[in-house]
Amino acid sequence: MGASVDTYTSDLRMPLASVNLGDYSNRTEAVRETVRTATDNGWVLAPEHQWSDFDCGGGEIHIPIHARPKH
């Protein structure tokens, strides 16, 4: 259960956070957990308008992530 953050995928060759919607009561809760997991691991999620290509439709969402800028 929970969101995971993968620093690469073999098919898309970019960092992604993935979440299984079945683990949560709704999409908002799932995305909130994904944000927390990505942030805890030093990433920031791409803007939501960039997510659509990665929504698998099979109950799992893959969200592009970027390294958090160093200040």
C-alpha atoms as a PDB file:
ATOM      1  CA  MET A   1       0.000   0.000   0.000  1.00  0.00           C
ATOM      2  CA  GLY A   2       1.131   3.543  -0.625  1.00  0.00           C
ATOM      3  CA  ALA A   3       2.797   5.645  -3.212  1.00  0.00           C
ATOM      4  CA  SER A   4       6.249   4.939  -4.545  1.00  0.00           C
ATOM      5  CA  VAL A   5       8.859   7.098  -6.163  1.00  0.00           C
ATOM      6  CA  ASP A   6      10.992   5.612  -8.919  1.00  0.00           C
ATOM      7  CA  THR A   7      13.946   7.591 -10.186  1.00  0.00           C
ATOM      8  CA  TYR A   8      13.607   6.017 -13.625  1.00  0.00           C
ATOM      9  CA  THR A   9      11.408   3.690 -15.605  1.00  0.00           C
ATOM     10  CA  SER A  10      12.572   1.513 -18.461  1.00  0.00           C
ATOM     11  CA  ASP A  11       9.721   2.534 -20.735  1.00  0.00           C
ATOM     12  CA  LEU A  12       9.481   6.296 -20.178  1.00  0.00           C
ATOM     13  CA  ARG A  13      13.061   7.030 -19.096  1.00  0.00           C
ATOM     14  CA  MET A  14      12.062   9.726 -16.643  1.00  0.00           C
ATOM     15  CA  PRO A  15      11.502   9.956 -12.908  1.00  0.00           C
ATOM     16  CA  LEU A  16       7.963   9.108 -11.873  1.00  0.00           C
ATOM     17  CA  ALA A  17       5.899   8.829  -8.735  1.00  0.00           C
ATOM     18  CA  SER A  18       3.314   6.091  -8.952  1.00  0.00           C
ATOM     19  CA  VAL A  19       0.238   5.448  -6.877  1.00  0.00           C
ATOM     20  CA  ASN A  20      -2.325   2.654  -6.876  1.00  0.00           C
ATOM     21  CA  LEU A  21      -5.748   4.279  -6.543  1.00  0.00           C
ATOM     22  CA  GLY A  22      -7.172   1.105  -5.025  1.00  0.00           C
ATOM     23  CA  ASP A  23      -5.154   1.753  -1.868  1.00  0.00           C
ATOM     24  CA  TYR A  24      -7.056   4.989  -1.165  1.00  0.00           C
ATOM     25  CA  SER A  25     -10.670   6.054  -0.720  1.00  0.00           C
ATOM     26  CA  ASN A  26     -10.422   8.642  -3.519  1.00  0.00           C
ATOM     27  CA  ARG A  27      -8.062  10.191  -6.056  1.00  0.00           C
ATOM     28  CA  THR A  28      -7.446  13.301  -3.931  1.00  0.00           C
ATOM     29  CA  GLU A  29      -6.204  11.205  -1.018  1.00  0.00           C
ATOM     30  CA  ALA A  30      -4.012   9.180  -3.377  1.00  0.00           C
ATOM     31  CA  VAL A  31      -2.439  12.284  -4.915  1.00  0.00           C
ATOM     32  CA  ARG A  32      -1.901  13.820  -1.461  1.00  0.00           C
ATOM     33  CA  GLU A  33       0.032  10.715  -0.390  1.00  0.00           C
ATOM     34  CA  THR A  34       2.022  10.820  -3.634  1.00  0.00           C
ATOM     35  CA  VAL A  35       2.990  14.445  -2.987  1.00  0.00           C
ATOM     36  CA  ARG A  36       4.094  13.546   0.546  1.00  0.00           C
ATOM     37  CA  THR A  37       6.146  10.574  -0.627  1.00  0.00           C
ATOM     38  CA  ALA A  38       7.809  12.528  -3.442  1.00  0.00           C
ATOM     39  CA  THR A  39       8.580  15.468  -1.141  1.00  0.00           C
ATOM     40  CA  ASP A  40      10.016  13.170   1.537  1.00  0.00           C
ATOM     41  CA  ASN A  41      12.367  11.782  -1.102  1.00  0.00           C
ATOM     42  CA  GLY A  42      13.567  15.168  -2.393  1.00  0.00           C
ATOM     43  CA  TRP A  43      11.290  15.471  -5.424  1.00  0.00           C
ATOM     44  CA  VAL A  44       8.613  17.872  -6.582  1.00  0.00           C
ATOM     45  CA  LEU A  45       5.672  16.788  -8.735  1.00  0.00           C
ATOM     46  CA  ALA A  46       5.243  18.151 -12.251  1.00  0.00           C
ATOM     47  CA  PRO A  47       2.222  20.436 -12.766  1.00  0.00           C
ATOM     48  CA  GLU A  48      -1.042  18.499 -12.950  1.00  0.00           C
ATOM     49  CA  HIS A  49      -1.630  19.364 -16.616  1.00  0.00           C
ATOM     50  CA  GLN A  50       1.407  17.170 -17.404  1.00  0.00           C
ATOM     51  CA  TRP A  51      -0.030  14.084 -15.694  1.00  0.00           C
ATOM     52  CA  SER A  52      -2.637  13.035 -18.233  1.00  0.00           C
ATOM     53  CA  ASP A  53      -0.261  11.081 -20.473  1.00  0.00           C
ATOM     54  CA  PHE A  54       0.771   8.970 -17.508  1.00  0.00           C
ATOM     55  CA  ASP A  55      -2.695   8.113 -16.134  1.00  0.00           C
ATOM     56  CA  CYS A  56      -2.816   4.419 -16.926  1.00  0.00           C
ATOM     57  CA  GLY A  57      -6.560   4.114 -16.531  1.00  0.00           C
ATOM     58  CA  GLY A  58      -5.975   0.790 -14.795  1.00  0.00           C
ATOM     59  CA  GLY A  59      -6.248   2.131 -11.293  1.00  0.00           C
ATOM     60  CA  GLU A  60      -2.717   3.492 -11.156  1.00  0.00           C
ATOM     61  CA  ILE A  61      -1.380   6.967 -11.854  1.00  0.00           C
ATOM     62  CA  HIS A  62       2.195   7.800 -12.795  1.00  0.00           C
ATOM     63  CA  ILE A  63       3.146  11.392 -12.111  1.00  0.00           C
ATOM     64  CA  PRO A  64       6.327  12.940 -13.556  1.00  0.00           C
ATOM     65  CA  ILE A  65       8.604  14.302 -10.842  1.00  0.00           C
ATOM     66  CA  HIS A  66      11.593  16.619 -10.848  1.00  0.00           C
ATOM     67  CA  ALA A  67      14.461  17.046  -8.446  1.00  0.00           C
ATOM     68  CA  ARG A  68      13.714  19.782  -5.973  1.00  0.00           C
ATOM     69  CA  PRO A  69      15.906  22.812  -6.732  1.00  0.00           C
ATOM     70  CA  LYS A  70      18.698  23.412  -4.253  1.00  0.00           C
ATOM     71  CA  HIS A  71      18.585  26.810  -2.598  1.00  0.00           C
END
